[in-house]
Amino acid sequence: MSTTEQGDPTHHLDAELIYEGQGPNAELEALGIRNVLEANGVNVFGSEVSPIPSLPVELRVPKDQVERAKAVLAEAEASGPEAAEAGELLGEDTLNDATPSGS
């Protein structure tokens, strides 16, 4: 009998691997993926990034958010770098609008 069949109260905390990378670009890729997911309300858990690029970087999301995470990442990938740049510019405009005048 599995623990979920026995009424495991922590079943909702189970997480699934959504990204695993290794090498010099893994940290940057993981950071980008984490930012996209968190900006869309998906909880992300990950291993701490090591200064040693030979160690893997992993990101996990709660099992009940896996489908949402995959959809968000697919949408971000389909939108391409142009959408990312537009979003960054929009964020900069928002920051400029929030800056008090006369400074």
PDB file of N, CA and C in Angstrom:
ATOM      1  N   MET A   1       0.853  -1.171   0.000  1.00  0.00           N
ATOM      2  CA  MET A   1       0.000   0.000   0.000  1.00  0.00           C
ATOM      3  C   MET A   1       0.902   1.239   0.000  1.00  0.00           C
ATOM      4  N   SER A   2       0.675   2.179  -0.939  1.00  0.00           N
ATOM      5  CA  SER A   2       1.500   3.388  -1.015  1.00  0.00           C
ATOM      6  C   SER A   2       1.094   4.372   0.075  1.00  0.00           C
ATOM      7  N   THR A   3       1.974   5.351   0.295  1.00  0.00           N
ATOM      8  CA  THR A   3       1.683   6.340   1.338  1.00  0.00           C
ATOM      9  C   THR A   3       0.493   7.208   0.960  1.00  0.00           C
ATOM     10  N   THR A   4       0.255   7.440  -0.342  1.00  0.00           N
ATOM     11  CA  THR A   4      -0.903   8.243  -0.731  1.00  0.00           C
ATOM     12  C   THR A   4      -2.189   7.488  -0.470  1.00  0.00           C
ATOM     13  N   GLU A   5      -2.149   6.164  -0.593  1.00  0.00           N
ATOM     14  CA  GLU A   5      -3.337   5.356  -0.301  1.00  0.00           C
ATOM     15  C   GLU A   5      -3.621   5.347   1.195  1.00  0.00           C
ATOM     16  N   GLN A   6      -2.585   5.539   2.005  1.00  0.00           N
ATOM     17  CA  GLN A   6      -2.753   5.563   3.449  1.00  0.00           C
ATOM     18  C   GLN A   6      -3.150   6.949   3.938  1.00  0.00           C
ATOM     19  N   GLY A   7      -3.290   7.908   3.040  1.00  0.00           N
ATOM     20  CA  GLY A   7      -3.694   9.241   3.443  1.00  0.00           C
ATOM     21  C   GLY A   7      -2.522  10.136   3.797  1.00  0.00           C
ATOM     22  N   ASP A   8      -1.429  10.032   3.062  1.00  0.00           N
ATOM     23  CA  ASP A   8      -0.251  10.867   3.301  1.00  0.00           C
ATOM     24  C   ASP A   8      -0.638  12.335   3.177  1.00  0.00           C
ATOM     25  N   PRO A   9      -0.547  13.107   4.244  1.00  0.00           N
ATOM     26  CA  PRO A   9      -0.963  14.515   4.209  1.00  0.00           C
ATOM     27  C   PRO A   9       0.012  15.413   3.449  1.00  0.00           C
ATOM     28  N   THR A  10       1.180  14.905   3.059  1.00  0.00           N
ATOM     29  CA  THR A  10       2.154  15.730   2.350  1.00  0.00           C
ATOM     30  C   THR A  10       2.174  15.467   0.851  1.00  0.00           C
ATOM     31  N   HIS A  11       1.213  14.715   0.345  1.00  0.00           N
ATOM     32  CA  HIS A  11       1.187  14.371  -1.081  1.00  0.00           C
ATOM     33  C   HIS A  11       1.201  15.620  -1.963  1.00  0.00           C
ATOM     34  N   HIS A  12       0.534  16.690  -1.537  1.00  0.00           N
ATOM     35  CA  HIS A  12       0.485  17.913  -2.338  1.00  0.00           C
ATOM     36  C   HIS A  12       1.841  18.606  -2.422  1.00  0.00           C
ATOM     37  N   LEU A  13       2.793  18.212  -1.585  1.00  0.00           N
ATOM     38  CA  LEU A  13       4.127  18.804  -1.603  1.00  0.00           C
ATOM     39  C   LEU A  13       5.081  18.095  -2.558  1.00  0.00           C
ATOM     40  N   ASP A  14       4.657  16.961  -3.141  1.00  0.00           N
ATOM     41  CA  ASP A  14       5.507  16.240  -4.077  1.00  0.00           C
ATOM     42  C   ASP A  14       5.844  17.147  -5.249  1.00  0.00           C
ATOM     43  N   ALA A  15       7.073  17.089  -5.695  1.00  0.00           N
ATOM     44  CA  ALA A  15       7.515  17.953  -6.787  1.00  0.00           C
ATOM     45  C   ALA A  15       8.063  17.105  -7.927  1.00  0.00           C
ATOM     46  N   GLU A  16       7.952  17.650  -9.130  1.00  0.00           N
ATOM     47  CA  GLU A  16       8.428  16.957 -10.322  1.00  0.00           C
ATOM     48  C   GLU A  16       9.512  17.797 -10.992  1.00  0.00           C
ATOM     49  N   LEU A  17      10.515  17.107 -11.501  1.00  0.00           N
ATOM     50  CA  LEU A  17      11.616  17.771 -12.184  1.00  0.00           C
ATOM     51  C   LEU A  17      11.106  18.414 -13.469  1.00  0.00           C
ATOM     52  N   ILE A  18      11.363  19.711 -13.625  1.00  0.00           N
ATOM     53  CA  ILE A  18      10.916  20.437 -14.813  1.00  0.00           C
ATOM     54  C   ILE A  18      12.112  20.871 -15.656  1.00  0.00           C
ATOM     55  N   TYR A  19      13.290  20.976 -15.028  1.00  0.00           N
ATOM     56  CA  TYR A  19      14.506  21.358 -15.751  1.00  0.00           C
ATOM     57  C   TYR A  19      15.721  20.766 -15.052  1.00  0.00           C
ATOM     58  N   GLU A  20      16.633  20.251 -15.851  1.00  0.00           N
ATOM     59  CA  GLU A  20      17.922  19.802 -15.342  1.00  0.00           C
ATOM     60  C   GLU A  20      18.968  20.192 -16.365  1.00  0.00           C
ATOM     61  N   GLY A  21      19.972  20.890 -15.919  1.00  0.00           N
ATOM     62  CA  GLY A  21      21.031  21.320 -16.819  1.00  0.00           C
ATOM     63  C   GLY A  21      22.378  21.214 -16.154  1.00  0.00           C
ATOM     64  N   GLN A  22      23.395  21.186 -16.990  1.00  0.00           N
ATOM     65  CA  GLN A  22      24.747  21.080 -16.484  1.00  0.00           C
ATOM     66  C   GLN A  22      25.655  21.836 -17.441  1.00  0.00           C
ATOM     67  N   GLY A  23      26.655  22.466 -16.909  1.00  0.00           N
ATOM     68  CA  GLY A  23      27.591  23.186 -17.750  1.00  0.00           C
ATOM     69  C   GLY A  23      27.537  24.679 -17.484  1.00  0.00           C
ATOM     70  N   PRO A  24      28.317  25.425 -18.251  1.00  0.00           N
ATOM     71  CA  PRO A  24      28.448  26.854 -17.971  1.00  0.00           C
ATOM     72  C   PRO A  24      27.171  27.672 -18.175  1.00  0.00           C
ATOM     73  N   ASN A  25      26.238  27.218 -19.007  1.00  0.00           N
ATOM     74  CA  ASN A  25      25.016  27.977 -19.261  1.00  0.00           C
ATOM     75  C   ASN A  25      23.827  27.522 -18.431  1.00  0.00           C
ATOM     76  N   ALA A  26      23.981  26.452 -17.678  1.00  0.00           N
ATOM     77  CA  ALA A  26      22.857  25.886 -16.927  1.00  0.00           C
ATOM     78  C   ALA A  26      22.292  26.860 -15.908  1.00  0.00           C
ATOM     79  N   GLU A  27      23.170  27.579 -15.215  1.00  0.00           N
ATOM     80  CA  GLU A  27      22.712  28.527 -14.189  1.00  0.00           C
ATOM     81  C   GLU A  27      21.844  29.615 -14.817  1.00  0.00           C
ATOM     82  N   LEU A  28      22.285  30.160 -15.937  1.00  0.00           N
ATOM     83  CA  LEU A  28      21.537  31.221 -16.607  1.00  0.00           C
ATOM     84  C   LEU A  28      20.202  30.706 -17.150  1.00  0.00           C
ATOM     85  N   GLU A  29      20.214  29.521 -17.743  1.00  0.00           N
ATOM     86  CA  GLU A  29      18.973  28.925 -18.240  1.00  0.00           C
ATOM     87  C   GLU A  29      17.992  28.689 -17.095  1.00  0.00           C
ATOM     88  N   ALA A  30      18.486  28.140 -15.990  1.00  0.00           N
ATOM     89  CA  ALA A  30      17.631  27.872 -14.829  1.00  0.00           C
ATOM     90  C   ALA A  30      17.035  29.158 -14.283  1.00  0.00           C
ATOM     91  N   LEU A  31      17.832  30.211 -14.237  1.00  0.00           N
ATOM     92  CA  LEU A  31      17.347  31.489 -13.741  1.00  0.00           C
ATOM     93  C   LEU A  31      16.234  32.029 -14.642  1.00  0.00           C
ATOM     94  N   GLY A  32      16.418  31.931 -15.944  1.00  0.00           N
ATOM     95  CA  GLY A  32      15.386  32.384 -16.882  1.00  0.00           C
ATOM     96  C   GLY A  32      14.101  31.587 -16.739  1.00  0.00           C
ATOM     97  N   ILE A  33      14.225  30.276 -16.631  1.00  0.00           N
ATOM     98  CA  ILE A  33      13.052  29.414 -16.473  1.00  0.00           C
ATOM     99  C   ILE A  33      12.349  29.715 -15.159  1.00  0.00           C
ATOM    100  N   ARG A  34      13.118  29.850 -14.096  1.00  0.00           N
ATOM    101  CA  ARG A  34      12.533  30.171 -12.785  1.00  0.00           C
ATOM    102  C   ARG A  34      11.762  31.485 -12.853  1.00  0.00           C
ATOM    103  N   ASN A  35      12.363  32.508 -13.477  1.00  0.00           N
ATOM    104  CA  ASN A  35      11.710  33.813 -13.560  1.00  0.00           C
ATOM    105  C   ASN A  35      10.398  33.740 -14.335  1.00  0.00           C
ATOM    106  N   VAL A  36      10.393  33.030 -15.452  1.00  0.00           N
ATOM    107  CA  VAL A  36       9.169  32.898 -16.256  1.00  0.00           C
ATOM    108  C   VAL A  36       8.086  32.185 -15.457  1.00  0.00           C
ATOM    109  N   LEU A  37       8.445  31.095 -14.813  1.00  0.00           N
ATOM    110  CA  LEU A  37       7.452  30.330 -14.058  1.00  0.00           C
ATOM    111  C   LEU A  37       6.908  31.132 -12.874  1.00  0.00           C
ATOM    112  N   GLU A  38       7.794  31.745 -12.107  1.00  0.00           N
ATOM    113  CA  GLU A  38       7.341  32.499 -10.933  1.00  0.00           C
ATOM    114  C   GLU A  38       6.505  33.714 -11.340  1.00  0.00           C
ATOM    115  N   ALA A  39       6.835  34.342 -12.469  1.00  0.00           N
ATOM    116  CA  ALA A  39       6.052  35.480 -12.952  1.00  0.00           C
ATOM    117  C   ALA A  39       4.645  35.060 -13.338  1.00  0.00           C
ATOM    118  N   ASN A  40       4.465  33.765 -13.605  1.00  0.00           N
ATOM    119  CA  ASN A  40       3.158  33.240 -13.966  1.00  0.00           C
ATOM    120  C   ASN A  40       2.512  32.458 -12.836  1.00  0.00           C
ATOM    121  N   GLY A  41       2.982  32.668 -11.622  1.00  0.00           N
ATOM    122  CA  GLY A  41       2.341  32.086 -10.450  1.00  0.00           C
ATOM    123  C   GLY A  41       2.658  30.632 -10.177  1.00  0.00           C
ATOM    124  N   VAL A  42       3.704  30.095 -10.788  1.00  0.00           N
ATOM    125  CA  VAL A  42       4.083  28.703 -10.550  1.00  0.00           C
ATOM    126  C   VAL A  42       5.186  28.678  -9.490  1.00  0.00           C
ATOM    127  N   ASN A  43       4.995  27.856  -8.478  1.00  0.00           N
ATOM    128  CA  ASN A  43       6.019  27.702  -7.441  1.00  0.00           C
ATOM    129  C   ASN A  43       7.175  26.879  -7.988  1.00  0.00           C
ATOM    130  N   VAL A  44       8.391  27.307  -7.714  1.00  0.00           N
ATOM    131  CA  VAL A  44       9.576  26.619  -8.221  1.00  0.00           C
ATOM    132  C   VAL A  44      10.516  26.323  -7.062  1.00  0.00           C
ATOM    133  N   PHE A  45      11.011  25.100  -7.023  1.00  0.00           N
ATOM    134  CA  PHE A  45      12.008  24.686  -6.048  1.00  0.00           C
ATOM    135  C   PHE A  45      13.240  24.280  -6.828  1.00  0.00           C
ATOM    136  N   GLY A  46      14.401  24.636  -6.346  1.00  0.00           N
ATOM    137  CA  GLY A  46      15.591  24.273  -7.091  1.00  0.00           C
ATOM    138  C   GLY A  46      16.786  24.055  -6.217  1.00  0.00           C
ATOM    139  N   SER A  47      17.737  23.349  -6.804  1.00  0.00           N
ATOM    140  CA  SER A  47      18.995  23.164  -6.100  1.00  0.00           C
ATOM    141  C   SER A  47      19.757  24.473  -6.139  1.00  0.00           C
ATOM    142  N   GLU A  48      20.511  24.701  -5.129  1.00  0.00           N
ATOM    143  CA  GLU A  48      21.333  25.907  -5.097  1.00  0.00           C
ATOM    144  C   GLU A  48      22.370  25.808  -6.202  1.00  0.00           C
ATOM    145  N   VAL A  49      22.622  26.926  -6.825  1.00  0.00           N
ATOM    146  CA  VAL A  49      23.576  26.953  -7.921  1.00  0.00           C
ATOM    147  C   VAL A  49      24.982  26.906  -7.341  1.00  0.00           C
ATOM    148  N   SER A  50      25.789  26.069  -7.925  1.00  0.00           N
ATOM    149  CA  SER A  50      27.162  25.906  -7.477  1.00  0.00           C
ATOM    150  C   SER A  50      28.104  26.630  -8.431  1.00  0.00           C
ATOM    151  N   PRO A  51      29.188  27.168  -7.927  1.00  0.00           N
ATOM    152  CA  PRO A  51      30.154  27.799  -8.824  1.00  0.00           C
ATOM    153  C   PRO A  51      30.918  26.773  -9.667  1.00  0.00           C
ATOM    154  N   ILE A  52      30.639  25.506  -9.441  1.00  0.00           N
ATOM    155  CA  ILE A  52      31.296  24.444 -10.201  1.00  0.00           C
ATOM    156  C   ILE A  52      30.335  23.987 -11.299  1.00  0.00           C
ATOM    157  N   PRO A  53      30.608  24.338 -12.572  1.00  0.00           N
ATOM    158  CA  PRO A  53      29.658  24.031 -13.643  1.00  0.00           C
ATOM    159  C   PRO A  53      29.479  22.548 -13.937  1.00  0.00           C
ATOM    160  N   SER A  54      30.300  21.691 -13.347  1.00  0.00           N
ATOM    161  CA  SER A  54      30.123  20.262 -13.591  1.00  0.00           C
ATOM    162  C   SER A  54      29.012  19.658 -12.744  1.00  0.00           C
ATOM    163  N   LEU A  55      28.501  20.425 -11.769  1.00  0.00           N
ATOM    164  CA  LEU A  55      27.393  19.942 -10.951  1.00  0.00           C
ATOM    165  C   LEU A  55      26.072  20.337 -11.598  1.00  0.00           C
ATOM    166  N   PRO A  56      25.084  19.455 -11.573  1.00  0.00           N
ATOM    167  CA  PRO A  56      23.804  19.765 -12.225  1.00  0.00           C
ATOM    168  C   PRO A  56      22.985  20.808 -11.471  1.00  0.00           C
ATOM    169  N   VAL A  57      22.172  21.520 -12.229  1.00  0.00           N
ATOM    170  CA  VAL A  57      21.218  22.484 -11.695  1.00  0.00           C
ATOM    171  C   VAL A  57      19.840  21.906 -11.982  1.00  0.00           C
ATOM    172  N   GLU A  58      18.985  21.837 -10.974  1.00  0.00           N
ATOM    173  CA  GLU A  58      17.646  21.268 -11.136  1.00  0.00           C
ATOM    174  C   GLU A  58      16.592  22.260 -10.676  1.00  0.00           C
ATOM    175  N   LEU A  59      15.456  22.251 -11.372  1.00  0.00           N
ATOM    176  CA  LEU A  59      14.275  22.999 -10.951  1.00  0.00           C
ATOM    177  C   LEU A  59      13.116  22.020 -10.878  1.00  0.00           C
ATOM    178  N   ARG A  60      12.328  22.147  -9.837  1.00  0.00           N
ATOM    179  CA  ARG A  60      11.153  21.285  -9.649  1.00  0.00           C
ATOM    180  C   ARG A  60       9.941  22.156  -9.365  1.00  0.00           C
ATOM    181  N   VAL A  61       8.784  21.641  -9.737  1.00  0.00           N
ATOM    182  CA  VAL A  61       7.526  22.322  -9.436  1.00  0.00           C
ATOM    183  C   VAL A  61       6.598  21.316  -8.764  1.00  0.00           C
ATOM    184  N   PRO A  62       5.658  21.802  -7.946  1.00  0.00           N
ATOM    185  CA  PRO A  62       4.695  20.887  -7.321  1.00  0.00           C
ATOM    186  C   PRO A  62       3.931  20.107  -8.386  1.00  0.00           C
ATOM    187  N   LYS A  63       3.655  18.846  -8.109  1.00  0.00           N
ATOM    188  CA  LYS A  63       2.984  17.987  -9.098  1.00  0.00           C
ATOM    189  C   LYS A  63       1.672  18.581  -9.590  1.00  0.00           C
ATOM    190  N   ASP A  64       0.968  19.293  -8.733  1.00  0.00           N
ATOM    191  CA  ASP A  64      -0.311  19.850  -9.167  1.00  0.00           C
ATOM    192  C   ASP A  64      -0.138  21.096 -10.050  1.00  0.00           C
ATOM    193  N   GLN A  65       1.105  21.534 -10.258  1.00  0.00           N
ATOM    194  CA  GLN A  65       1.371  22.692 -11.116  1.00  0.00           C
ATOM    195  C   GLN A  65       2.197  22.335 -12.361  1.00  0.00           C
ATOM    196  N   VAL A  66       2.466  21.044 -12.556  1.00  0.00           N
ATOM    197  CA  VAL A  66       3.316  20.616 -13.675  1.00  0.00           C
ATOM    198  C   VAL A  66       2.710  20.998 -15.016  1.00  0.00           C
ATOM    199  N   GLU A  67       1.440  20.721 -15.219  1.00  0.00           N
ATOM    200  CA  GLU A  67       0.811  21.034 -16.510  1.00  0.00           C
ATOM    201  C   GLU A  67       0.844  22.532 -16.783  1.00  0.00           C
ATOM    202  N   ARG A  68       0.565  23.321 -15.773  1.00  0.00           N
ATOM    203  CA  ARG A  68       0.619  24.785 -15.919  1.00  0.00           C
ATOM    204  C   ARG A  68       2.038  25.226 -16.264  1.00  0.00           C
ATOM    205  N   ALA A  69       3.025  24.673 -15.575  1.00  0.00           N
ATOM    206  CA  ALA A  69       4.423  25.034 -15.829  1.00  0.00           C
ATOM    207  C   ALA A  69       4.821  24.702 -17.258  1.00  0.00           C
ATOM    208  N   LYS A  70       4.440  23.528 -17.733  1.00  0.00           N
ATOM    209  CA  LYS A  70       4.774  23.137 -19.110  1.00  0.00           C
ATOM    210  C   LYS A  70       4.104  24.058 -20.117  1.00  0.00           C
ATOM    211  N   ALA A  71       2.858  24.433 -19.863  1.00  0.00           N
ATOM    212  CA  ALA A  71       2.144  25.340 -20.769  1.00  0.00           C
ATOM    213  C   ALA A  71       2.795  26.713 -20.793  1.00  0.00           C
ATOM    214  N   VAL A  72       3.178  27.220 -19.628  1.00  0.00           N
ATOM    215  CA  VAL A  72       3.831  28.531 -19.526  1.00  0.00           C
ATOM    216  C   VAL A  72       5.151  28.515 -20.283  1.00  0.00           C
ATOM    217  N   LEU A  73       5.939  27.455 -20.100  1.00  0.00           N
ATOM    218  CA  LEU A  73       7.234  27.373 -20.777  1.00  0.00           C
ATOM    219  C   LEU A  73       7.069  27.224 -22.287  1.00  0.00           C
ATOM    220  N   ALA A  74       6.068  26.464 -22.709  1.00  0.00           N
ATOM    221  CA  ALA A  74       5.816  26.318 -24.143  1.00  0.00           C
ATOM    222  C   ALA A  74       5.405  27.651 -24.758  1.00  0.00           C
ATOM    223  N   GLU A  75       4.578  28.393 -24.052  1.00  0.00           N
ATOM    224  CA  GLU A  75       4.149  29.716 -24.534  1.00  0.00           C
ATOM    225  C   GLU A  75       5.334  30.678 -24.608  1.00  0.00           C
ATOM    226  N   ALA A  76       6.186  30.646 -23.598  1.00  0.00           N
ATOM    227  CA  ALA A  76       7.359  31.522 -23.589  1.00  0.00           C
ATOM    228  C   ALA A  76       8.301  31.172 -24.729  1.00  0.00           C
ATOM    229  N   GLU A  77       8.480  29.887 -24.974  1.00  0.00           N
ATOM    230  CA  GLU A  77       9.360  29.459 -26.066  1.00  0.00           C
ATOM    231  C   GLU A  77       8.776  29.834 -27.422  1.00  0.00           C
ATOM    232  N   ALA A  78       7.471  29.692 -27.580  1.00  0.00           N
ATOM    233  CA  ALA A  78       6.818  30.042 -28.843  1.00  0.00           C
ATOM    234  C   ALA A  78       6.860  31.546 -29.099  1.00  0.00           C
ATOM    235  N   SER A  79       6.820  32.332 -28.032  1.00  0.00           N
ATOM    236  CA  SER A  79       6.857  33.786 -28.166  1.00  0.00           C
ATOM    237  C   SER A  79       8.229  34.271 -28.610  1.00  0.00           C
ATOM    238  N   GLY A  80       9.249  33.536 -28.225  1.00  0.00           N
ATOM    239  CA  GLY A  80      10.595  33.850 -28.662  1.00  0.00           C
ATOM    240  C   GLY A  80      11.232  35.018 -27.951  1.00  0.00           C
ATOM    241  N   PRO A  81      12.454  35.342 -28.367  1.00  0.00           N
ATOM    242  CA  PRO A  81      13.209  36.399 -27.702  1.00  0.00           C
ATOM    243  C   PRO A  81      12.598  37.788 -27.875  1.00  0.00           C
ATOM    244  N   GLU A  82      11.827  37.991 -28.941  1.00  0.00           N
ATOM    245  CA  GLU A  82      11.201  39.299 -29.147  1.00  0.00           C
ATOM    246  C   GLU A  82      10.238  39.618 -28.011  1.00  0.00           C
ATOM    247  N   ALA A  83       9.469  38.636 -27.579  1.00  0.00           N
ATOM    248  CA  ALA A  83       8.520  38.848 -26.485  1.00  0.00           C
ATOM    249  C   ALA A  83       9.253  39.109 -25.176  1.00  0.00           C
ATOM    250  N   ALA A  84      10.371  38.419 -24.972  1.00  0.00           N
ATOM    251  CA  ALA A  84      11.149  38.642 -23.759  1.00  0.00           C
ATOM    252  C   ALA A  84      11.702  40.060 -23.732  1.00  0.00           C
ATOM    253  N   GLU A  85      12.184  40.520 -24.874  1.00  0.00           N
ATOM    254  CA  GLU A  85      12.725  41.884 -24.943  1.00  0.00           C
ATOM    255  C   GLU A  85      11.617  42.918 -24.727  1.00  0.00           C
ATOM    256  N   ALA A  86      10.444  42.668 -25.317  1.00  0.00           N
ATOM    257  CA  ALA A  86       9.314  43.586 -25.139  1.00  0.00           C
ATOM    258  C   ALA A  86       8.901  43.635 -23.667  1.00  0.00           C
ATOM    259  N   GLY A  87       8.890  42.487 -23.004  1.00  0.00           N
ATOM    260  CA  GLY A  87       8.551  42.440 -21.591  1.00  0.00           C
ATOM    261  C   GLY A  87       9.563  43.166 -20.744  1.00  0.00           C
ATOM    262  N   GLU A  88      10.827  43.042 -21.102  1.00  0.00           N
ATOM    263  CA  GLU A  88      11.872  43.750 -20.366  1.00  0.00           C
ATOM    264  C   GLU A  88      11.717  45.255 -20.541  1.00  0.00           C
ATOM    265  N   LEU A  89      11.441  45.695 -21.759  1.00  0.00           N
ATOM    266  CA  LEU A  89      11.248  47.126 -22.005  1.00  0.00           C
ATOM    267  C   LEU A  89      10.032  47.653 -21.256  1.00  0.00           C
ATOM    268  N   LEU A  90       8.961  46.865 -21.227  1.00  0.00           N
ATOM    269  CA  LEU A  90       7.763  47.259 -20.491  1.00  0.00           C
ATOM    270  C   LEU A  90       8.093  47.413 -19.008  1.00  0.00           C
ATOM    271  N   GLY A  91       8.885  46.492 -18.468  1.00  0.00           N
ATOM    272  CA  GLY A  91       9.294  46.584 -17.074  1.00  0.00           C
ATOM    273  C   GLY A  91      10.119  47.827 -16.808  1.00  0.00           C
ATOM    274  N   GLU A  92      10.996  48.177 -17.756  1.00  0.00           N
ATOM    275  CA  GLU A  92      11.801  49.387 -17.598  1.00  0.00           C
ATOM    276  C   GLU A  92      10.914  50.624 -17.648  1.00  0.00           C
ATOM    277  N   ASP A  93       9.925  50.644 -18.541  1.00  0.00           N
ATOM    278  CA  ASP A  93       8.995  51.774 -18.616  1.00  0.00           C
ATOM    279  C   ASP A  93       8.230  51.923 -17.311  1.00  0.00           C
ATOM    280  N   THR A  94       7.820  50.821 -16.726  1.00  0.00           N
ATOM    281  CA  THR A  94       7.095  50.843 -15.460  1.00  0.00           C
ATOM    282  C   THR A  94       7.970  51.430 -14.362  1.00  0.00           C
ATOM    283  N   LEU A  95       9.249  51.039 -14.352  1.00  0.00           N
ATOM    284  CA  LEU A  95      10.165  51.587 -13.348  1.00  0.00           C
ATOM    285  C   LEU A  95      10.370  53.069 -13.565  1.00  0.00           C
ATOM    286  N   ASN A  96      10.479  53.508 -14.815  1.00  0.00           N
ATOM    287  CA  ASN A  96      10.647  54.933 -15.106  1.00  0.00           C
ATOM    288  C   ASN A  96       9.434  55.726 -14.677  1.00  0.00           C
ATOM    289  N   ASP A  97       8.246  55.164 -14.880  1.00  0.00           N
ATOM    290  CA  ASP A  97       7.008  55.848 -14.482  1.00  0.00           C
ATOM    291  C   ASP A  97       6.916  55.985 -12.968  1.00  0.00           C
ATOM    292  N   ALA A  98       7.511  55.035 -12.236  1.00  0.00           N
ATOM    293  CA  ALA A  98       7.430  55.041 -10.773  1.00  0.00           C
ATOM    294  C   ALA A  98       8.491  55.950 -10.138  1.00  0.00           C
ATOM    295  N   THR A  99       9.462  56.411 -10.934  1.00  0.00           N
ATOM    296  CA  THR A  99      10.506  57.276 -10.404  1.00  0.00           C
ATOM    297  C   THR A  99       9.941  58.663 -10.162  1.00  0.00           C
ATOM    298  N   PRO A 100      10.118  59.212  -8.956  1.00  0.00           N
ATOM    299  CA  PRO A 100       9.588  60.552  -8.667  1.00  0.00           C
ATOM    300  C   PRO A 100      10.250  61.597  -9.574  1.00  0.00           C
ATOM    301  N   SER A 101       9.446  62.535 -10.046  1.00  0.00           N
ATOM    302  CA  SER A 101       9.999  63.569 -10.900  1.00  0.00           C
ATOM    303  C   SER A 101      10.795  64.558 -10.055  1.00  0.00           C
ATOM    304  N   GLY A 102      11.730  65.202 -10.717  1.00  0.00           N
ATOM    305  CA  GLY A 102      12.570  66.156  -9.998  1.00  0.00           C
ATOM    306  C   GLY A 102      13.773  65.510  -9.365  1.00  0.00           C
ATOM    307  N   SER A 103      13.984  64.211  -9.609  1.00  0.00           N
ATOM    308  CA  SER A 103      15.141  63.529  -9.017  1.00  0.00           C
ATOM    309  C   SER A 103      16.286  63.583  -9.964  1.00  0.00           C
TER     310      SER A 103
END
